[in-house]
C-alpha atoms as a PDB file:
ATOM      1  CA  MET A   1       1.789  10.942   7.848  1.00  0.00           C
ATOM      2  CA  ARG A   2       4.639   9.170   9.548  1.00  0.00           C
ATOM      3  CA  GLY A   3       7.621  11.097  10.817  1.00  0.00           C
ATOM      4  CA  MET A   4       5.886  14.463  11.351  1.00  0.00           C
ATOM      5  CA  ARG A   5       7.340  16.677  14.057  1.00  0.00           C
ATOM      6  CA  ILE A   6       5.755  19.176  16.400  1.00  0.00           C
ATOM      7  CA  ASP A   7       7.524  22.487  16.892  1.00  0.00           C
ATOM      8  CA  ALA A   8       7.465  22.988  20.658  1.00  0.00           C
ATOM      9  CA  ALA A   9       9.322  19.984  22.057  1.00  0.00           C
ATOM     10  CA  PRO A  10       8.756  19.103  25.742  1.00  0.00           C
ATOM     11  CA  THR A  11      11.330  17.681  28.126  1.00  0.00           C
ATOM     12  CA  PRO A  12      12.797  14.538  26.534  1.00  0.00           C
ATOM     13  CA  ALA A  13      11.058  11.377  27.744  1.00  0.00           C
ATOM     14  CA  PRO A  14      12.360   8.313  25.855  1.00  0.00           C
ATOM     15  CA  PHE A  15      10.006   5.830  27.523  1.00  0.00           C
ATOM     16  CA  VAL A  16       6.962   7.943  26.704  1.00  0.00           C
ATOM     17  CA  GLY A  17       8.281   8.421  23.180  1.00  0.00           C
ATOM     18  CA  ALA A  18       8.588   4.653  22.784  1.00  0.00           C
ATOM     19  CA  LEU A  19       4.962   4.179  23.903  1.00  0.00           C
ATOM     20  CA  TRP A  20       3.770   6.768  21.368  1.00  0.00           C
ATOM     21  CA  ALA A  21       5.825   5.062  18.646  1.00  0.00           C
ATOM     22  CA  MET A  22       4.324   1.654  19.419  1.00  0.00           C
ATOM     23  CA  LEU A  23       0.822   3.161  19.399  1.00  0.00           C
ATOM     24  CA  ALA A  24       1.580   4.705  16.005  1.00  0.00           C
ATOM     25  CA  VAL A  25       2.733   1.367  14.608  1.00  0.00           C
ATOM     26  CA  ALA A  26      -0.420  -0.304  15.927  1.00  0.00           C
ATOM     27  CA  CYS A  27      -2.549   2.390  14.255  1.00  0.00           C
ATOM     28  CA  PHE A  28      -0.731   2.175  10.919  1.00  0.00           C
ATOM     29  CA  SER A  29      -0.860  -1.625  10.965  1.00  0.00           C
ATOM     30  CA  THR A  30      -4.594  -1.452  11.642  1.00  0.00           C
ATOM     31  CA  THR A  31      -4.942   0.925   8.700  1.00  0.00           C
ATOM     32  CA  ASP A  32      -3.106  -1.476   6.393  1.00  0.00           C
ATOM     33  CA  VAL A  33      -5.207  -4.462   7.457  1.00  0.00           C
ATOM     34  CA  LEU A  34      -8.466  -2.542   7.003  1.00  0.00           C
ATOM     35  CA  VAL A  35      -7.486  -1.264   3.561  1.00  0.00           C
ATOM     36  CA  LYS A  36      -6.495  -4.744   2.405  1.00  0.00           C
ATOM     37  CA  PHE A  37      -9.743  -6.154   3.820  1.00  0.00           C
ATOM     38  CA  LEU A  38     -11.845  -3.495   2.038  1.00  0.00           C
ATOM     39  CA  SER A  39      -9.936  -3.716  -1.253  1.00  0.00           C
ATOM     40  CA  ASP A  40     -12.161  -6.527  -2.542  1.00  0.00           C
ATOM     41  CA  GLY A  41     -15.380  -4.532  -2.402  1.00  0.00           C
ATOM     42  CA  TYR A  42     -14.703  -0.819  -2.764  1.00  0.00           C
ATOM     43  CA  ALA A  43     -12.757   1.562  -4.975  1.00  0.00           C
ATOM     44  CA  LEU A  44      -9.461   2.852  -3.597  1.00  0.00           C
ATOM     45  CA  TYR A  45     -10.370   6.521  -4.026  1.00  0.00           C
ATOM     46  CA  GLU A  46     -13.684   5.932  -2.274  1.00  0.00           C
ATOM     47  CA  VAL A  47     -11.900   4.320   0.672  1.00  0.00           C
ATOM     48  CA  MET A  48      -9.441   7.221   0.772  1.00  0.00           C
ATOM     49  CA  PHE A  49     -12.207   9.834   0.533  1.00  0.00           C
ATOM     50  CA  ILE A  50     -14.369   8.396   3.316  1.00  0.00           C
ATOM     51  CA  ARG A  51     -11.332   7.636   5.465  1.00  0.00           C
ATOM     52  CA  THR A  52     -10.197  11.239   5.100  1.00  0.00           C
ATOM     53  CA  LEU A  53     -13.585  12.623   6.114  1.00  0.00           C
ATOM     54  CA  PHE A  54     -13.452  10.655   9.358  1.00  0.00           C
ATOM     55  CA  GLY A  55      -9.771  11.572   9.801  1.00  0.00           C
ATOM     56  CA  ILE A  56     -10.469  15.307   9.496  1.00  0.00           C
ATOM     57  CA  LEU A  57     -13.371  15.051  11.953  1.00  0.00           C
ATOM     58  CA  PHE A  58     -11.052  13.278  14.405  1.00  0.00           C
ATOM     59  CA  LEU A  59      -8.298  15.874  13.969  1.00  0.00           C
ATOM     60  CA  LEU A  60     -10.609  18.858  14.381  1.00  0.00           C
ATOM     61  CA  GLY A  61     -12.848  17.328  17.026  1.00  0.00           C
ATOM     62  CA  VAL A  62     -10.308  15.535  19.222  1.00  0.00           C
ATOM     63  CA  ILE A  63      -6.648  16.264  18.477  1.00  0.00           C
ATOM     64  CA  LEU A  64      -6.937  20.009  17.861  1.00  0.00           C
ATOM     65  CA  PRO A  65      -8.838  20.729  21.108  1.00  0.00           C
ATOM     66  CA  LEU A  66      -6.351  18.591  23.050  1.00  0.00           C
ATOM     67  CA  THR A  67      -3.224  20.170  21.565  1.00  0.00           C
ATOM     68  CA  ARG A  68      -4.620  23.712  21.122  1.00  0.00           C
ATOM     69  CA  ALA A  69      -2.196  24.025  18.233  1.00  0.00           C
ATOM     70  CA  SER A  70      -2.247  26.777  15.648  1.00  0.00           C
ATOM     71  CA  LEU A  71      -3.246  25.803  12.119  1.00  0.00           C
ATOM     72  CA  ARG A  72      -1.250  28.609  10.521  1.00  0.00           C
ATOM     73  CA  ILE A  73       1.387  27.522   7.994  1.00  0.00           C
ATOM     74  CA  SER A  74       4.184  29.604   6.493  1.00  0.00           C
ATOM     75  CA  ARG A  75       5.538  27.438   3.663  1.00  0.00           C
ATOM     76  CA  VAL A  76       2.425  26.526   1.710  1.00  0.00           C
ATOM     77  CA  TRP A  77       4.072  24.962  -1.342  1.00  0.00           C
ATOM     78  CA  LEU A  78       6.216  22.641   0.736  1.00  0.00           C
ATOM     79  CA  HIS A  79       3.152  21.579   2.708  1.00  0.00           C
ATOM     80  CA  LEU A  80       1.358  20.819  -0.556  1.00  0.00           C
ATOM     81  CA  ALA A  81       4.397  18.877  -1.784  1.00  0.00           C
ATOM     82  CA  ARG A  82       4.392  16.831   1.431  1.00  0.00           C
ATOM     83  CA  GLY A  83       0.709  16.128   1.031  1.00  0.00           C
ATOM     84  CA  LEU A  84       1.242  14.961  -2.537  1.00  0.00           C
ATOM     85  CA  CYS A  85       4.112  12.696  -1.457  1.00  0.00           C
ATOM     86  CA  VAL A  86       1.969  11.087   1.248  1.00  0.00           C
ATOM     87  CA  PHE A  87      -0.878  10.619  -1.210  1.00  0.00           C
ATOM     88  CA  VAL A  88       1.396   8.950  -3.759  1.00  0.00           C
ATOM     89  CA  ALA A  89       2.933   6.736  -1.068  1.00  0.00           C
ATOM     90  CA  ASN A  90      -0.489   5.634   0.160  1.00  0.00           C
ATOM     91  CA  LEU A  91      -1.828   5.157  -3.362  1.00  0.00           C
ATOM     92  CA  PHE A  92       0.932   2.782  -4.470  1.00  0.00           C
ATOM     93  CA  PHE A  93       1.159   0.946  -1.162  1.00  0.00           C
ATOM     94  CA  PHE A  94      -2.580   0.285  -0.973  1.00  0.00           C
ATOM     95  CA  LEU A  95      -2.664  -0.837  -4.605  1.00  0.00           C
ATOM     96  CA  GLY A  96       0.113  -3.270  -3.764  1.00  0.00           C
ATOM     97  CA  LEU A  97      -1.837  -4.571  -0.772  1.00  0.00           C
ATOM     98  CA  ALA A  98      -4.712  -5.544  -3.065  1.00  0.00           C
ATOM     99  CA  ALA A  99      -2.490  -8.028  -4.907  1.00  0.00           C
ATOM    100  CA  MET A 100       0.164  -9.283  -2.481  1.00  0.00           C
ATOM    101  CA  PRO A 101       0.664 -10.370   1.138  1.00  0.00           C
ATOM    102  CA  LEU A 102       0.727  -7.605   3.739  1.00  0.00           C
ATOM    103  CA  SER A 103       4.070  -8.753   5.177  1.00  0.00           C
ATOM    104  CA  GLU A 104       5.905  -8.646   1.839  1.00  0.00           C
ATOM    105  CA  ALA A 105       4.429  -5.260   0.908  1.00  0.00           C
ATOM    106  CA  THR A 106       5.415  -3.876   4.314  1.00  0.00           C
ATOM    107  CA  ALA A 107       8.954  -5.246   4.002  1.00  0.00           C
ATOM    108  CA  ILE A 108       9.459  -3.678   0.579  1.00  0.00           C
ATOM    109  CA  PHE A 109       8.043  -0.388   1.878  1.00  0.00           C
ATOM    110  CA  PHE A 110      10.683  -0.346   4.615  1.00  0.00           C
ATOM    111  CA  VAL A 111      13.321   0.290   1.984  1.00  0.00           C
ATOM    112  CA  SER A 112      12.332   3.934   2.563  1.00  0.00           C
ATOM    113  CA  PRO A 113      15.118   4.618   5.161  1.00  0.00           C
ATOM    114  CA  LEU A 114      17.625   3.583   2.500  1.00  0.00           C
ATOM    115  CA  LEU A 115      16.075   5.976   0.018  1.00  0.00           C
ATOM    116  CA  ILE A 116      15.938   8.745   2.627  1.00  0.00           C
ATOM    117  CA  SER A 117      19.701   8.423   3.128  1.00  0.00           C
ATOM    118  CA  ALA A 118      20.299   8.549  -0.628  1.00  0.00           C
ATOM    119  CA  PHE A 119      17.959  11.520  -1.124  1.00  0.00           C
ATOM    120  CA  SER A 120      19.648  13.398   1.732  1.00  0.00           C
ATOM    121  CA  VAL A 121      22.875  13.249  -0.278  1.00  0.00           C
ATOM    122  CA  TRP A 122      21.332  14.293  -3.583  1.00  0.00           C
ATOM    123  CA  PHE A 123      18.921  16.980  -2.383  1.00  0.00           C
ATOM    124  CA  LEU A 124      20.214  18.172   0.995  1.00  0.00           C
ATOM    125  CA  HIS A 125      23.959  17.646   0.370  1.00  0.00           C
ATOM    126  CA  GLU A 126      24.368  15.600   3.543  1.00  0.00           C
ATOM    127  CA  THR A 127      27.290  13.198   3.956  1.00  0.00           C
ATOM    128  CA  VAL A 128      26.746   9.444   4.007  1.00  0.00           C
ATOM    129  CA  GLY A 129      29.694   7.284   5.077  1.00  0.00           C
ATOM    130  CA  PRO A 130      30.781   3.936   3.588  1.00  0.00           C
ATOM    131  CA  ARG A 131      29.058   1.874   6.293  1.00  0.00           C
ATOM    132  CA  ARG A 132      25.731   3.457   5.524  1.00  0.00           C
ATOM    133  CA  TRP A 133      26.230   2.876   1.786  1.00  0.00           C
ATOM    134  CA  ILE A 134      26.930  -0.793   2.571  1.00  0.00           C
ATOM    135  CA  ALA A 135      23.714  -0.939   4.617  1.00  0.00           C
ATOM    136  CA  ILE A 136      21.841   0.626   1.698  1.00  0.00           C
ATOM    137  CA  ALA A 137      23.271  -2.003  -0.651  1.00  0.00           C
ATOM    138  CA  VAL A 138      22.283  -4.826   1.725  1.00  0.00           C
ATOM    139  CA  GLY A 139      18.761  -3.453   1.961  1.00  0.00           C
ATOM    140  CA  LEU A 140      18.457  -3.261  -1.812  1.00  0.00           C
ATOM    141  CA  VAL A 141      19.607  -6.886  -2.032  1.00  0.00           C
ATOM    142  CA  GLY A 142      16.819  -7.719   0.425  1.00  0.00           C
ATOM    143  CA  VAL A 143      14.291  -5.995  -1.825  1.00  0.00           C
ATOM    144  CA  VAL A 144      15.525  -7.981  -4.819  1.00  0.00           C
ATOM    145  CA  VAL A 145      15.199 -11.207  -2.790  1.00  0.00           C
ATOM    146  CA  VAL A 146      11.593 -10.397  -1.901  1.00  0.00           C
ATOM    147  CA  LEU A 147      10.760  -9.310  -5.460  1.00  0.00           C
ATOM    148  CA  ARG A 148      12.514 -12.300  -7.095  1.00  0.00           C
ATOM    149  CA  PRO A 149      12.707 -10.776 -10.593  1.00  0.00           C
ATOM    150  CA  GLY A 150      13.118 -13.247 -13.441  1.00  0.00           C
ATOM    151  CA  THR A 151      11.359 -16.063 -11.583  1.00  0.00           C
ATOM    152  CA  GLU A 152       7.786 -17.331 -11.672  1.00  0.00           C
ATOM    153  CA  ALA A 153       7.259 -15.900  -8.191  1.00  0.00           C
ATOM    154  CA  PHE A 154       7.792 -12.330  -9.421  1.00  0.00           C
ATOM    155  CA  GLN A 155       4.730 -10.124  -9.840  1.00  0.00           C
ATOM    156  CA  ALA A 156       4.729  -6.562 -11.126  1.00  0.00           C
ATOM    157  CA  ALA A 157       2.448  -5.481  -8.266  1.00  0.00           C
ATOM    158  CA  ALA A 158       5.395  -6.003  -5.892  1.00  0.00           C
ATOM    159  CA  LEU A 159       6.976  -2.883  -7.404  1.00  0.00           C
ATOM    160  CA  LEU A 160       4.108  -0.751  -6.088  1.00  0.00           C
ATOM    161  CA  PRO A 161       5.329  -0.701  -2.433  1.00  0.00           C
ATOM    162  CA  LEU A 162       8.745   0.280  -3.810  1.00  0.00           C
ATOM    163  CA  PHE A 163       7.170   3.305  -5.513  1.00  0.00           C
ATOM    164  CA  ALA A 164       5.347   4.005  -2.235  1.00  0.00           C
ATOM    165  CA  ALA A 165       8.657   3.958  -0.352  1.00  0.00           C
ATOM    166  CA  THR A 166      10.032   6.510  -2.815  1.00  0.00           C
ATOM    167  CA  GLY A 167       7.136   8.864  -2.096  1.00  0.00           C
ATOM    168  CA  TYR A 168       7.585   8.370   1.639  1.00  0.00           C
ATOM    169  CA  ALA A 169      11.324   9.062   1.379  1.00  0.00           C
ATOM    170  CA  LEU A 170      10.626  12.287  -0.506  1.00  0.00           C
ATOM    171  CA  LEU A 171       8.169  13.222   2.248  1.00  0.00           C
ATOM    172  CA  HIS A 172      10.881  12.881   4.896  1.00  0.00           C
ATOM    173  CA  THR A 173      13.362  14.789   2.758  1.00  0.00           C
ATOM    174  CA  ILE A 174      10.936  17.703   2.472  1.00  0.00           C
ATOM    175  CA  THR A 175      10.244  17.513   6.208  1.00  0.00           C
ATOM    176  CA  ARG A 176      13.962  17.818   6.898  1.00  0.00           C
ATOM    177  CA  ALA A 177      14.090  20.863   4.627  1.00  0.00           C
ATOM    178  CA  ILE A 178      11.202  22.475   6.496  1.00  0.00           C
ATOM    179  CA  GLY A 179      12.829  21.797   9.853  1.00  0.00           C
ATOM    180  CA  ALA A 180      11.123  22.329  13.198  1.00  0.00           C
ATOM    181  CA  THR A 181       9.425  25.625  12.309  1.00  0.00           C
ATOM    182  CA  GLU A 182       6.149  24.137  11.066  1.00  0.00           C
ATOM    183  CA  ASN A 183       3.320  22.908  13.267  1.00  0.00           C
ATOM    184  CA  ALA A 184       2.647  19.168  13.060  1.00  0.00           C
ATOM    185  CA  THR A 185      -1.110  19.481  13.606  1.00  0.00           C
ATOM    186  CA  ALA A 186      -1.293  21.879  10.674  1.00  0.00           C
ATOM    187  CA  MET A 187       0.845  19.488   8.615  1.00  0.00           C
ATOM    188  CA  ALA A 188      -1.508  16.638   9.452  1.00  0.00           C
ATOM    189  CA  LEU A 189      -4.545  18.665   8.428  1.00  0.00           C
ATOM    190  CA  THR A 190      -2.853  19.789   5.196  1.00  0.00           C
ATOM    191  CA  ILE A 191      -2.207  16.168   4.292  1.00  0.00           C
ATOM    192  CA  GLN A 192      -5.809  15.218   5.042  1.00  0.00           C
ATOM    193  CA  LEU A 193      -7.106  18.067   2.868  1.00  0.00           C
ATOM    194  CA  THR A 194      -4.789  16.948   0.049  1.00  0.00           C
ATOM    195  CA  PHE A 195      -6.271  13.455   0.279  1.00  0.00           C
ATOM    196  CA  LEU A 196      -9.801  14.852   0.289  1.00  0.00           C
ATOM    197  CA  VAL A 197      -9.292  16.984  -2.815  1.00  0.00           C
ATOM    198  CA  ILE A 198      -7.410  14.406  -4.918  1.00  0.00           C
ATOM    199  CA  SER A 199      -9.538  11.404  -3.974  1.00  0.00           C
ATOM    200  CA  GLY A 200     -12.732  13.418  -4.508  1.00  0.00           C
ATOM    201  CA  ALA A 201     -11.567  14.584  -7.945  1.00  0.00           C
ATOM    202  CA  ALA A 202     -10.505  11.040  -8.868  1.00  0.00           C
ATOM    203  CA  GLY A 203     -13.895   9.780  -7.781  1.00  0.00           C
ATOM    204  CA  MET A 204     -15.647  12.179 -10.143  1.00  0.00           C
ATOM    205  CA  LEU A 205     -13.411  11.038 -13.025  1.00  0.00           C
ATOM    206  CA  LEU A 206     -13.199   7.292 -12.305  1.00  0.00           C
ATOM    207  CA  GLY A 207     -16.048   6.579  -9.917  1.00  0.00           C
ATOM    208  CA  HIS A 208     -18.439   5.464 -12.662  1.00  0.00           C
ATOM    209  CA  GLY A 209     -16.372   2.266 -13.093  1.00  0.00           C
ATOM    210  CA  GLY A 210     -16.274   2.438 -16.886  1.00  0.00           C
ATOM    211  CA  TYR A 211     -12.492   1.952 -16.943  1.00  0.00           C
ATOM    212  CA  ASP A 212     -12.585  -1.201 -14.803  1.00  0.00           C
ATOM    213  CA  VAL A 213     -11.731  -3.563 -17.659  1.00  0.00           C
ATOM    214  CA  PHE A 214      -8.400  -5.014 -16.485  1.00  0.00           C
ATOM    215  CA  ASP A 215      -8.226  -8.437 -14.840  1.00  0.00           C
ATOM    216  CA  HIS A 216      -5.948  -7.618 -11.918  1.00  0.00           C
ATOM    217  CA  PRO A 217      -6.737  -7.022  -8.213  1.00  0.00           C
ATOM    218  CA  SER A 218      -4.859  -3.702  -8.107  1.00  0.00           C
ATOM    219  CA  ALA A 219      -6.593  -2.469 -11.252  1.00  0.00           C
ATOM    220  CA  HIS A 220     -10.013  -3.430  -9.874  1.00  0.00           C
ATOM    221  CA  PHE A 221      -9.231  -1.623  -6.619  1.00  0.00           C
ATOM    222  CA  LEU A 222      -8.213   1.498  -8.540  1.00  0.00           C
ATOM    223  CA  LEU A 223     -10.905   1.613 -11.208  1.00  0.00           C
ATOM    224  CA  ARG A 224     -14.054  -0.105  -9.901  1.00  0.00           C
ATOM    225  CA  ALA A 225     -17.216   1.943  -9.488  1.00  0.00           C
ATOM    226  CA  TRP A 226     -18.003   3.704  -6.251  1.00  0.00           C
ATOM    227  CA  THR A 227     -20.812   2.074  -4.283  1.00  0.00           C
ATOM    228  CA  TRP A 228     -22.744   3.071  -1.196  1.00  0.00           C
ATOM    229  CA  PRO A 229     -20.966   1.392   1.769  1.00  0.00           C
ATOM    230  CA  ALA A 230     -22.776  -1.285   3.719  1.00  0.00           C
ATOM    231  CA  THR A 231     -23.688  -0.252   7.257  1.00  0.00           C
ATOM    232  CA  SER A 232     -21.195  -2.687   8.759  1.00  0.00           C
ATOM    233  CA  ASP A 233     -18.430  -1.335   6.539  1.00  0.00           C
ATOM    234  CA  VAL A 234     -19.111   2.285   7.553  1.00  0.00           C
ATOM    235  CA  TRP A 235     -17.801   1.405  10.995  1.00  0.00           C
ATOM    236  CA  LEU A 236     -14.675  -0.090   9.426  1.00  0.00           C
ATOM    237  CA  LEU A 237     -14.179   3.058   7.342  1.00  0.00           C
ATOM    238  CA  ALA A 238     -14.631   5.205  10.446  1.00  0.00           C
ATOM    239  CA  LEU A 239     -12.052   3.096  12.297  1.00  0.00           C
ATOM    240  CA  LEU A 240      -9.778   3.443   9.269  1.00  0.00           C
ATOM    241  CA  GLY A 241     -10.010   7.245   9.407  1.00  0.00           C
ATOM    242  CA  VAL A 242      -9.432   7.413  13.152  1.00  0.00           C
ATOM    243  CA  SER A 243      -6.501   4.966  13.085  1.00  0.00           C
ATOM    244  CA  SER A 244      -4.870   6.871  10.224  1.00  0.00           C
ATOM    245  CA  ALA A 245      -5.201  10.262  11.926  1.00  0.00           C
ATOM    246  CA  MET A 246      -4.210   8.870  15.332  1.00  0.00           C
ATOM    247  CA  GLY A 247      -1.205   7.120  13.814  1.00  0.00           C
ATOM    248  CA  GLY A 248       0.062  10.365  12.318  1.00  0.00           C
ATOM    249  CA  PHE A 249      -0.429  12.219  15.587  1.00  0.00           C
ATOM    250  CA  SER A 250       1.174   9.440  17.648  1.00  0.00           C
ATOM    251  CA  ILE A 251       4.330   9.258  15.551  1.00  0.00           C
ATOM    252  CA  SER A 252       4.567  13.043  15.857  1.00  0.00           C
ATOM    253  CA  GLU A 253       4.404  12.745  19.626  1.00  0.00           C
ATOM    254  CA  ALA A 254       7.015   9.990  19.556  1.00  0.00           C
ATOM    255  CA  PHE A 255       9.521  12.134  17.646  1.00  0.00           C
ATOM    256  CA  ARG A 256       8.590  15.051  19.865  1.00  0.00           C
ATOM    257  CA  ARG A 257       9.425  13.294  23.130  1.00  0.00           C
ATOM    258  CA  ALA A 258      12.498  11.265  22.145  1.00  0.00           C
ATOM    259  CA  GLU A 259      15.381  11.419  19.692  1.00  0.00           C
ATOM    260  CA  ALA A 260      14.640  10.194  16.184  1.00  0.00           C
ATOM    261  CA  ALA A 261      17.362   7.537  16.456  1.00  0.00           C
ATOM    262  CA  PHE A 262      15.595   6.129  19.537  1.00  0.00           C
ATOM    263  CA  VAL A 263      12.090   6.260  18.037  1.00  0.00           C
ATOM    264  CA  ALA A 264      12.738   5.039  14.485  1.00  0.00           C
ATOM    265  CA  PRO A 265      13.578   1.395  15.348  1.00  0.00           C
ATOM    266  CA  PHE A 266      10.154   0.998  16.959  1.00  0.00           C
ATOM    267  CA  GLU A 267       8.564   1.565  13.533  1.00  0.00           C
ATOM    268  CA  TYR A 268      10.046  -1.771  12.476  1.00  0.00           C
ATOM    269  CA  ILE A 269       7.642  -3.516  14.848  1.00  0.00           C
ATOM    270  CA  ALA A 270       5.316  -3.198  11.846  1.00  0.00           C
ATOM    271  CA  LEU A 271       7.171  -6.067  10.124  1.00  0.00           C
ATOM    272  CA  PRO A 272       6.375  -8.839  12.654  1.00  0.00           C
ATOM    273  CA  MET A 273       2.888  -7.364  13.053  1.00  0.00           C
ATOM    274  CA  ALA A 274       2.352  -7.642   9.295  1.00  0.00           C
ATOM    275  CA  VAL A 275       3.428 -11.301   9.375  1.00  0.00           C
ATOM    276  CA  PHE A 276       1.037 -11.896  12.302  1.00  0.00           C
ATOM    277  CA  PHE A 277      -1.919 -10.270  10.502  1.00  0.00           C
ATOM    278  CA  ASP A 278      -1.120 -12.130   7.296  1.00  0.00           C
ATOM    279  CA  LEU A 279      -1.351 -15.406   9.190  1.00  0.00           C
ATOM    280  CA  THR A 280      -4.334 -14.675  11.441  1.00  0.00           C
ATOM    281  CA  VAL A 281      -6.513 -12.498   9.196  1.00  0.00           C
ATOM    282  CA  PHE A 282      -5.615 -13.506   5.643  1.00  0.00           C
ATOM    283  CA  GLY A 283      -4.300 -17.027   6.189  1.00  0.00           C
ATOM    284  CA  VAL A 284      -0.975 -16.606   4.362  1.00  0.00           C
ATOM    285  CA  LEU A 285       2.648 -16.787   5.471  1.00  0.00           C
ATOM    286  CA  PRO A 286       5.848 -15.665   3.651  1.00  0.00           C
ATOM    287  CA  ASP A 287       8.027 -18.485   2.361  1.00  0.00           C
ATOM    288  CA  THR A 288      11.672 -18.972   3.321  1.00  0.00           C
ATOM    289  CA  VAL A 289      13.011 -16.774   0.506  1.00  0.00           C
ATOM    290  CA  ALA A 290      10.656 -13.924   1.421  1.00  0.00           C
ATOM    291  CA  PHE A 291      11.635 -14.227   5.084  1.00  0.00           C
ATOM    292  CA  ALA A 292      15.326 -13.959   4.084  1.00  0.00           C
ATOM    293  CA  GLY A 293      14.653 -10.773   2.116  1.00  0.00           C
ATOM    294  CA  ILE A 294      12.590  -9.317   4.966  1.00  0.00           C
ATOM    295  CA  ALA A 295      15.471 -10.019   7.369  1.00  0.00           C
ATOM    296  CA  LEU A 296      17.982  -8.244   5.105  1.00  0.00           C
ATOM    297  CA  ILE A 297      15.724  -5.194   4.822  1.00  0.00           C
ATOM    298  CA  LEU A 298      15.168  -5.145   8.586  1.00  0.00           C
ATOM    299  CA  VAL A 299      18.876  -5.380   9.425  1.00  0.00           C
ATOM    300  CA  SER A 300      19.921  -2.762   6.869  1.00  0.00           C
ATOM    301  CA  GLY A 301      17.264  -0.312   8.061  1.00  0.00           C
ATOM    302  CA  LEU A 302      18.287  -0.663  11.702  1.00  0.00           C
ATOM    303  CA  VAL A 303      21.978  -0.272  10.797  1.00  0.00           C
ATOM    304  CA  LEU A 304      21.164   2.911   8.875  1.00  0.00           C
ATOM    305  CA  ILE A 305      19.296   4.345  11.861  1.00  0.00           C
ATOM    306  CA  TRP A 306      22.215   3.468  14.144  1.00  0.00           C
ATOM    307  CA  ARG A 307      24.822   5.010  11.842  1.00  0.00           C
ATOM    308  CA  GLU A 308      22.757   8.186  11.444  1.00  0.00           C
ATOM    309  CA  ALA A 309      22.527   8.473  15.230  1.00  0.00           C
ATOM    310  CA  VAL A 310      26.309   8.125  15.477  1.00  0.00           C
ATOM    311  CA  ALA A 311      26.829  10.746  12.774  1.00  0.00           C
ATOM    312  CA  ARG A 312      24.486  13.243  14.422  1.00  0.00           C
ATOM    313  CA  ARG A 313      26.120  12.683  17.817  1.00  0.00           C
ATOM    314  CA  ARG A 314      29.500  13.473  16.275  1.00  0.00           C
ATOM    315  CA  GLU A 315      28.084  16.656  14.759  1.00  0.00           C
ATOM    316  CA  VAL A 316      26.898  17.765  18.188  1.00  0.00           C
ATOM    317  CA  LEU A 317      30.269  16.992  19.791  1.00  0.00           C
ATOM    318  CA  ASP A 318      32.178  18.771  17.009  1.00  0.00           C
ATOM    319  CA  ALA A 319      29.934  21.839  17.030  1.00  0.00           C
ATOM    320  CA  PRO A 320      31.921  23.833  19.667  1.00  0.00           C
ATOM    321  CA  ASN A 321      35.098  23.319  17.633  1.00  0.00           C
ATOM    322  CA  ARG A 322      33.575  25.174  14.702  1.00  0.00           C
ATOM    323  CA  LEU A 323      32.993  28.342  16.701  1.00  0.00           C
END
C-alpha cells in the first residue's frame, strides 16, 4: 500500500509531508516486526486475513469519515491488478521474514526503486539516463552482496524479498499509469478487499495444515494449519491491521503534501529501523558483508530518487518550449 496518491492535492507542505512519511515508515516497520514475531505460531494466510479485517474496520470506521472520500473507482481492472501486486509483494516479503533477519530482508526489498526505473522504460517508455543505469547496477551489486550466492551464507529464502520488490515495483508502475485520477482511499480499500478474498480462499484450501510437511520456516508459515488466536495475540493482530492501514494512508498523505522526490528518501529510514528491531527484538545483527550490501542498496536508491527529481524538473522547465 505504499506510494498511493490522493487525487485532490492541497497546498504543498514539505515539512508536513515529511512527518506523514516518517509516520508511514514507523507503521510499516511495526507491521514487519509483528508479522515476523507471529510467524512462529500462525499461518501466513490467517495473519493476512485477520489483519485485513481489522484494516478494513479502521479504514471504514476512522479514515473514511475523516477524509469523506468517495469510494467510486473508474478503472476496475487496474485496481485489481494493483491489489494483486500488493498481495504478491506482501506474500513473498513475509515468507522471507520467517527465515531471515528483518534488516537483510528490508534491504533486499529496497531494490524496488531500481526495478521501478527499469519497468518505467519497458512498460511506460520513459527515458532513463546513464547515471540512473549506473545507480541501478550498483544497487544490484548490493543485492548480490547481501545474497552471497555460491557461499555457505546463501539461503534460497533471501530471494523472496527480491520477488516482493518485483511485485511492489509493478504496483508503482501501474499507479503511474493510472495517474492522479483515482481516489487513494478507494485504492486502499480495493487492496484490503483483495487481501481478504485471496487470504480467505487460501485458508479454505490450505488451512487444514495437511500440506505442512516441509522442514523450512517459510514453508511452515505458509502451510501450517489455522488455529484460534490466543487472546494476547488478538491485540497484536489488531495492531497489525491498524498499522498496515494507517501506513498506507500516511504514505498517501506524504505524497499528497510534498513532491515524490522529497518524500521518497524518508522511506529509507526503514533500513536503520530494521537493524534496530533486529538487535532489540530478535537479538541479531547483520555482519560486515551484509552491512556493505545494505549500504550499496541505500546509496543507489537515493541516487535514483535524486536523478528522477532532476529529470522531472527538467521536463517542467522544458514544457513551455514544446508549445
